[in-house]
Amino acid sequence: MSRWTILNDARIQPVLFSWRGHVPRASVVDVLETYLPGFLGAPDLIDLWTVTGGGDFLETETLLSPVGDPALGDALVDTNERYHLLGFPRSGLLFSTGTHLGAFDVEVGEDLLLRDARPRFVVEGRYRSFDAWYARGLRALRAEWSLPQDASV
């Protein structure tokens, strides 16, 4: 059993998850340090990117990828730049798009569940880890995915 609820869900319902595949940790860190010089946060997210490489999940969500393809809309840096132009604060690092947004608050060190209500981005939840963001936030919003209810975080 994985330490991440999202990977356990992917094992149980693989049709709902499509990952890019392993990305070397050094590549993930290099992208983050180039985009956000001095960035030291989100070690669990960095670990998850190393394992999954990002990808699509739960039919409507995308875990942005540090090595994503801008043409596919899953590139971490390009997506963040696009959202910053739309008014998303630079203190946030978007890591997920879909029915809701997921972002790491660089200043506070929390994962945020956001609703895109442009020109505003409404915080619907704050979490201390990616796993809590996924299990208690995004995953809890939707029951139709038929995932086990005992997501322990």
C-alpha atoms as a PDB file:
ATOM      1  CA  MET A   1       0.000   0.000   0.000  1.00  0.00           C
ATOM      2  CA  SER A   2       1.300   3.423  -0.982  1.00  0.00           C
ATOM      3  CA  ARG A   3       1.631   6.390   1.355  1.00  0.00           C
ATOM      4  CA  TRP A   4      -0.475   8.352  -1.135  1.00  0.00           C
ATOM      5  CA  THR A   5      -4.216   7.853  -1.375  1.00  0.00           C
ATOM      6  CA  ILE A   6      -4.090   8.831  -5.043  1.00  0.00           C
ATOM      7  CA  LEU A   7      -1.722   5.955  -5.885  1.00  0.00           C
ATOM      8  CA  ASN A   8      -3.838   3.508  -3.889  1.00  0.00           C
ATOM      9  CA  ASP A   9      -6.888   4.695  -5.830  1.00  0.00           C
ATOM     10  CA  ALA A  10      -4.962   4.262  -9.088  1.00  0.00           C
ATOM     11  CA  ARG A  11      -4.186   0.672  -8.122  1.00  0.00           C
ATOM     12  CA  ILE A  12      -7.868  -0.026  -7.329  1.00  0.00           C
ATOM     13  CA  GLN A  13      -9.371   1.851 -10.322  1.00  0.00           C
ATOM     14  CA  PRO A  14      -6.560   2.059 -12.917  1.00  0.00           C
ATOM     15  CA  VAL A  15      -8.902   3.174 -15.681  1.00  0.00           C
ATOM     16  CA  LEU A  16      -9.322   6.522 -13.856  1.00  0.00           C
ATOM     17  CA  PHE A  17      -5.589   7.305 -13.800  1.00  0.00           C
ATOM     18  CA  SER A  18      -3.129   7.843 -16.639  1.00  0.00           C
ATOM     19  CA  TRP A  19       0.370   8.816 -15.515  1.00  0.00           C
ATOM     20  CA  ARG A  20       3.245  10.044 -17.671  1.00  0.00           C
ATOM     21  CA  GLY A  21       5.727   7.848 -15.828  1.00  0.00           C
ATOM     22  CA  HIS A  22       8.817   8.275 -13.690  1.00  0.00           C
ATOM     23  CA  VAL A  23      10.718  11.561 -13.876  1.00  0.00           C
ATOM     24  CA  PRO A  24      14.166  11.767 -12.271  1.00  0.00           C
ATOM     25  CA  ARG A  25      14.058  13.799  -9.063  1.00  0.00           C
ATOM     26  CA  ALA A  26      16.872  16.026 -10.336  1.00  0.00           C
ATOM     27  CA  SER A  27      14.738  16.970 -13.369  1.00  0.00           C
ATOM     28  CA  VAL A  28      11.765  17.879 -11.171  1.00  0.00           C
ATOM     29  CA  VAL A  29      13.920  19.937  -8.803  1.00  0.00           C
ATOM     30  CA  ASP A  30      15.678  21.654 -11.727  1.00  0.00           C
ATOM     31  CA  VAL A  31      12.360  22.782 -13.246  1.00  0.00           C
ATOM     32  CA  LEU A  32      11.101  24.053  -9.881  1.00  0.00           C
ATOM     33  CA  GLU A  33      14.346  25.864  -9.015  1.00  0.00           C
ATOM     34  CA  THR A  34      14.498  27.470 -12.455  1.00  0.00           C
ATOM     35  CA  TYR A  35      10.878  28.613 -12.267  1.00  0.00           C
ATOM     36  CA  LEU A  36      10.900  29.562  -8.570  1.00  0.00           C
ATOM     37  CA  PRO A  37      14.492  30.321  -7.511  1.00  0.00           C
ATOM     38  CA  GLY A  38      15.053  29.269  -3.915  1.00  0.00           C
ATOM     39  CA  PHE A  39      11.938  27.071  -3.838  1.00  0.00           C
ATOM     40  CA  LEU A  40      12.243  24.512  -1.042  1.00  0.00           C
ATOM     41  CA  GLY A  41       8.609  23.561  -0.441  1.00  0.00           C
ATOM     42  CA  ALA A  42       6.286  20.710  -1.302  1.00  0.00           C
ATOM     43  CA  PRO A  43       8.610  17.699  -0.829  1.00  0.00           C
ATOM     44  CA  ASP A  44       5.640  15.300  -1.045  1.00  0.00           C
ATOM     45  CA  LEU A  45       4.582  16.830  -4.357  1.00  0.00           C
ATOM     46  CA  ILE A  46       8.134  16.548  -5.665  1.00  0.00           C
ATOM     47  CA  ASP A  47       8.152  12.877  -4.645  1.00  0.00           C
ATOM     48  CA  LEU A  48       4.794  12.284  -6.358  1.00  0.00           C
ATOM     49  CA  TRP A  49       6.011  13.925  -9.566  1.00  0.00           C
ATOM     50  CA  THR A  50       9.069  11.691  -9.438  1.00  0.00           C
ATOM     51  CA  VAL A  51       6.848   8.598  -9.261  1.00  0.00           C
ATOM     52  CA  THR A  52       4.034   9.613 -11.638  1.00  0.00           C
ATOM     53  CA  GLY A  53       5.448  12.361 -13.835  1.00  0.00           C
ATOM     54  CA  GLY A  54       2.014  13.968 -13.674  1.00  0.00           C
ATOM     55  CA  GLY A  55      -0.930  12.942 -15.817  1.00  0.00           C
ATOM     56  CA  ASP A  56      -4.696  12.721 -15.930  1.00  0.00           C
ATOM     57  CA  PHE A  57      -6.903  11.327 -13.204  1.00  0.00           C
ATOM     58  CA  LEU A  58     -10.528  10.982 -12.183  1.00  0.00           C
ATOM     59  CA  GLU A  59     -11.765  11.760 -15.704  1.00  0.00           C
ATOM     60  CA  THR A  60     -11.573  15.554 -15.374  1.00  0.00           C
ATOM     61  CA  GLU A  61      -8.360  16.354 -13.485  1.00  0.00           C
ATOM     62  CA  THR A  62      -4.764  16.876 -14.549  1.00  0.00           C
ATOM     63  CA  LEU A  63      -1.728  16.665 -12.304  1.00  0.00           C
ATOM     64  CA  LEU A  64       0.525  19.127 -14.103  1.00  0.00           C
ATOM     65  CA  SER A  65       3.926  17.809 -15.077  1.00  0.00           C
ATOM     66  CA  PRO A  66       7.326  19.462 -14.707  1.00  0.00           C
ATOM     67  CA  VAL A  67       8.122  17.820 -18.066  1.00  0.00           C
ATOM     68  CA  GLY A  68       4.647  18.247 -19.547  1.00  0.00           C
ATOM     69  CA  ASP A  69       3.717  19.221 -23.067  1.00  0.00           C
ATOM     70  CA  PRO A  70       2.346  22.756 -23.494  1.00  0.00           C
ATOM     71  CA  ALA A  71       0.305  21.545 -26.483  1.00  0.00           C
ATOM     72  CA  LEU A  72      -1.476  19.056 -24.200  1.00  0.00           C
ATOM     73  CA  GLY A  73      -2.039  21.643 -21.479  1.00  0.00           C
ATOM     74  CA  ASP A  74      -0.231  19.663 -18.795  1.00  0.00           C
ATOM     75  CA  ALA A  75       3.046  21.587 -18.603  1.00  0.00           C
ATOM     76  CA  LEU A  76       3.625  22.929 -15.091  1.00  0.00           C
ATOM     77  CA  VAL A  77       5.484  26.116 -16.018  1.00  0.00           C
ATOM     78  CA  ASP A  78       3.379  27.061 -19.059  1.00  0.00           C
ATOM     79  CA  THR A  79       0.114  26.486 -17.202  1.00  0.00           C
ATOM     80  CA  ASN A  80       1.307  28.566 -14.248  1.00  0.00           C
ATOM     81  CA  GLU A  81       2.349  31.401 -16.549  1.00  0.00           C
ATOM     82  CA  ARG A  82      -1.032  31.317 -18.306  1.00  0.00           C
ATOM     83  CA  TYR A  83      -2.905  31.468 -14.985  1.00  0.00           C
ATOM     84  CA  HIS A  84      -0.675  34.270 -13.678  1.00  0.00           C
ATOM     85  CA  LEU A  85      -1.732  36.311 -16.707  1.00  0.00           C
ATOM     86  CA  LEU A  86      -5.346  35.626 -15.658  1.00  0.00           C
ATOM     87  CA  GLY A  87      -4.705  37.012 -12.184  1.00  0.00           C
ATOM     88  CA  PHE A  88      -3.585  33.954 -10.240  1.00  0.00           C
ATOM     89  CA  PRO A  89      -1.109  35.117  -7.560  1.00  0.00           C
ATOM     90  CA  ARG A  90       2.583  34.396  -8.073  1.00  0.00           C
ATOM     91  CA  SER A  91       2.758  33.121  -4.495  1.00  0.00           C
ATOM     92  CA  GLY A  92       0.891  30.044  -5.695  1.00  0.00           C
ATOM     93  CA  LEU A  93       2.295  27.158  -7.711  1.00  0.00           C
ATOM     94  CA  LEU A  94      -0.540  25.443  -9.559  1.00  0.00           C
ATOM     95  CA  PHE A  95      -0.059  21.687  -9.628  1.00  0.00           C
ATOM     96  CA  SER A  96      -3.509  20.505 -10.721  1.00  0.00           C
ATOM     97  CA  THR A  97      -6.279  21.706 -13.018  1.00  0.00           C
ATOM     98  CA  GLY A  98      -9.769  20.398 -13.687  1.00  0.00           C
ATOM     99  CA  THR A  99     -13.050  20.801 -11.829  1.00  0.00           C
ATOM    100  CA  HIS A 100     -11.004  22.565  -9.159  1.00  0.00           C
ATOM    101  CA  LEU A 101      -7.461  23.844  -9.026  1.00  0.00           C
ATOM    102  CA  GLY A 102      -4.698  22.602  -6.784  1.00  0.00           C
ATOM    103  CA  ALA A 103      -1.913  24.960  -5.791  1.00  0.00           C
ATOM    104  CA  PHE A 104       0.955  25.048  -3.358  1.00  0.00           C
ATOM    105  CA  ASP A 105       1.022  28.333  -1.426  1.00  0.00           C
ATOM    106  CA  VAL A 106       4.732  29.119  -1.510  1.00  0.00           C
ATOM    107  CA  GLU A 107       4.490  31.711   1.275  1.00  0.00           C
ATOM    108  CA  VAL A 108       2.480  29.619   3.747  1.00  0.00           C
ATOM    109  CA  GLY A 109       3.567  26.105   2.748  1.00  0.00           C
ATOM    110  CA  GLU A 110       0.069  24.658   2.294  1.00  0.00           C
ATOM    111  CA  ASP A 111      -1.739  22.918  -0.524  1.00  0.00           C
ATOM    112  CA  LEU A 112      -4.866  24.785  -1.603  1.00  0.00           C
ATOM    113  CA  LEU A 113      -8.075  23.543  -3.183  1.00  0.00           C
ATOM    114  CA  LEU A 114      -9.401  26.394  -5.306  1.00  0.00           C
ATOM    115  CA  ARG A 115     -12.431  27.148  -7.409  1.00  0.00           C
ATOM    116  CA  ASP A 116     -11.748  29.096 -10.577  1.00  0.00           C
ATOM    117  CA  ALA A 117     -14.207  32.010 -10.369  1.00  0.00           C
ATOM    118  CA  ARG A 118     -12.311  34.409 -12.598  1.00  0.00           C
ATOM    119  CA  PRO A 119     -11.314  37.058 -12.066  1.00  0.00           C
ATOM    120  CA  ARG A 120     -11.021  35.567  -8.558  1.00  0.00           C
ATOM    121  CA  PHE A 121      -9.708  32.238  -7.367  1.00  0.00           C
ATOM    122  CA  VAL A 122     -11.661  31.101  -4.310  1.00  0.00           C
ATOM    123  CA  VAL A 123      -9.886  29.003  -1.659  1.00  0.00           C
ATOM    124  CA  GLU A 124     -12.168  26.125  -0.667  1.00  0.00           C
ATOM    125  CA  GLY A 125      -9.667  24.241   1.461  1.00  0.00           C
ATOM    126  CA  ARG A 126      -6.158  24.386   2.941  1.00  0.00           C
ATOM    127  CA  TYR A 127      -4.157  21.225   3.560  1.00  0.00           C
ATOM    128  CA  ARG A 128      -0.767  20.373   5.048  1.00  0.00           C
ATOM    129  CA  SER A 129       0.090  17.802   2.377  1.00  0.00           C
ATOM    130  CA  PHE A 130      -0.750  16.732  -1.154  1.00  0.00           C
ATOM    131  CA  ASP A 131      -2.326  13.559   0.194  1.00  0.00           C
ATOM    132  CA  ALA A 132      -4.667  15.533   2.453  1.00  0.00           C
ATOM    133  CA  TRP A 133      -5.478  17.864  -0.465  1.00  0.00           C
ATOM    134  CA  TYR A 134      -6.422  14.894  -2.604  1.00  0.00           C
ATOM    135  CA  ALA A 135      -8.181  12.690  -0.025  1.00  0.00           C
ATOM    136  CA  ARG A 136     -10.006  15.321   2.044  1.00  0.00           C
ATOM    137  CA  GLY A 137     -10.358  17.904  -0.689  1.00  0.00           C
ATOM    138  CA  LEU A 138     -10.721  16.948  -4.329  1.00  0.00           C
ATOM    139  CA  ARG A 139     -11.589  13.264  -3.875  1.00  0.00           C
ATOM    140  CA  ALA A 140     -14.177  14.013  -1.197  1.00  0.00           C
ATOM    141  CA  LEU A 141     -16.063  16.341  -3.561  1.00  0.00           C
ATOM    142  CA  ARG A 142     -17.124  13.580  -5.903  1.00  0.00           C
ATOM    143  CA  ALA A 143     -18.767  10.282  -4.985  1.00  0.00           C
ATOM    144  CA  GLU A 144     -19.330   8.972  -8.518  1.00  0.00           C
ATOM    145  CA  TRP A 145     -15.786   7.647  -8.848  1.00  0.00           C
ATOM    146  CA  SER A 146     -16.642   4.604  -6.686  1.00  0.00           C
ATOM    147  CA  LEU A 147     -13.448   4.793  -4.704  1.00  0.00           C
ATOM    148  CA  PRO A 148     -13.122   3.282  -1.215  1.00  0.00           C
ATOM    149  CA  GLN A 149     -14.428   5.561   1.510  1.00  0.00           C
ATOM    150  CA  ASP A 150     -11.668   4.754   4.004  1.00  0.00           C
ATOM    151  CA  ALA A 151      -9.032   7.128   2.630  1.00  0.00           C
ATOM    152  CA  SER A 152      -6.865   7.501   5.701  1.00  0.00           C
ATOM    153  CA  VAL A 153      -4.722  10.614   5.823  1.00  0.00           C
END
